[in-house]
Amino acid sequence: MPIHPLWLLLILVAVLLLFGPSRLPELGSAAGKAMRESRKATPDLTNDVTAAAKPAEPQPPAESTAKGSSSEAKPSN
């Protein structure tokens, strides 16, 4: 559904009446900063979600460092 230009004009007039002309630059700046931060955070969030959705790769079995030794403990006398 396309946004009608009259709706945009109506919204602009309502914002102007609510906040006044002196606060409009401040509101625009805050909106720009919020958009910039969301653009910066989007790739990180996408990577996190993608990594969480991947199935875990099976780990190869750990090799023992002492080859040829038995796994049973020898009793001490």
Protein backbone atom coordinates (compact mmCIF):
# COMPACT_ATOMS: atom_id res chain seq x y z
CA MET A 1 0.00 0.00 0.00
CA PRO A 2 1.68 3.22 -1.10
CA ILE A 3 1.90 6.19 1.23
CA HIS A 4 -0.15 9.06 -0.07
CA PRO A 5 1.64 12.45 -0.16
CA LEU A 6 -1.31 14.03 1.66
CA TRP A 7 -0.77 11.65 4.60
CA LEU A 8 2.89 12.69 4.83
CA LEU A 9 1.87 16.35 4.82
CA LEU A 10 -0.73 15.68 7.52
CA ILE A 11 1.84 13.88 9.70
CA LEU A 12 4.34 16.71 9.23
CA VAL A 13 1.76 19.32 10.28
CA ALA A 14 0.79 17.25 13.33
CA VAL A 15 4.44 16.90 14.41
CA LEU A 16 4.99 20.61 13.88
CA LEU A 17 1.98 21.43 16.06
CA LEU A 18 2.99 18.97 18.80
CA PHE A 19 6.66 19.83 19.12
CA GLY A 20 7.01 23.28 17.61
CA PRO A 21 9.51 24.52 15.04
CA SER A 22 12.35 24.93 17.53
CA ARG A 23 12.47 21.22 18.43
CA LEU A 24 12.19 19.81 14.90
CA PRO A 25 15.95 19.89 14.16
CA GLU A 26 16.63 18.16 17.47
CA LEU A 27 14.05 15.45 16.70
CA GLY A 28 15.46 14.98 13.20
CA SER A 29 18.95 14.61 14.57
CA ALA A 30 17.80 12.03 17.13
CA ALA A 31 15.97 10.08 14.44
CA GLY A 32 19.08 10.11 12.23
CA LYS A 33 21.25 8.82 15.07
CA ALA A 34 18.77 6.04 15.82
CA MET A 35 18.73 4.97 12.17
CA ARG A 36 22.55 5.00 12.03
CA GLU A 37 22.83 2.86 15.16
CA SER A 38 20.29 0.35 13.86
CA ARG A 39 22.22 0.06 10.58
CA LYS A 40 25.42 -0.60 12.53
CA ALA A 41 23.77 -3.23 14.72
CA THR A 42 21.99 -5.09 11.90
CA PRO A 43 25.02 -7.09 10.59
CA ASP A 44 26.03 -8.14 14.12
CA LEU A 45 22.51 -9.27 14.94
CA THR A 46 22.23 -11.13 11.62
CA ASN A 47 25.52 -12.94 12.27
CA ASP A 48 24.44 -13.89 15.79
CA VAL A 49 21.10 -15.27 14.61
CA THR A 50 22.73 -17.15 11.73
CA ALA A 51 25.34 -18.68 14.03
CA ALA A 52 22.68 -19.72 16.54
CA ALA A 53 20.54 -21.31 13.83
CA LYS A 54 23.40 -23.44 12.42
CA PRO A 55 23.52 -27.01 13.65
CA ALA A 56 26.52 -27.68 15.84
CA GLU A 57 29.35 -29.49 14.07
CA PRO A 58 30.31 -32.75 15.77
CA GLN A 59 33.64 -32.55 17.55
CA PRO A 60 36.26 -35.14 16.59
CA PRO A 61 37.12 -37.55 19.40
CA ALA A 62 39.96 -36.34 21.59
CA GLU A 63 43.17 -38.31 21.16
CA SER A 64 44.99 -39.39 24.29
CA THR A 65 48.44 -37.91 24.81
CA ALA A 66 49.93 -41.03 26.43
CA LYS A 67 49.91 -43.61 23.66
CA GLY A 68 50.24 -47.23 24.67
CA SER A 69 49.54 -46.66 28.37
CA SER A 70 46.64 -48.45 29.93
CA SER A 71 43.71 -46.47 31.16
CA GLU A 72 43.48 -48.37 34.44
CA ALA A 73 45.17 -46.85 37.44
CA LYS A 74 47.91 -48.93 39.03
CA PRO A 75 47.41 -49.58 42.73
CA SER A 76 50.07 -48.10 44.96
CA ASN A 77 51.55 -50.22 47.75
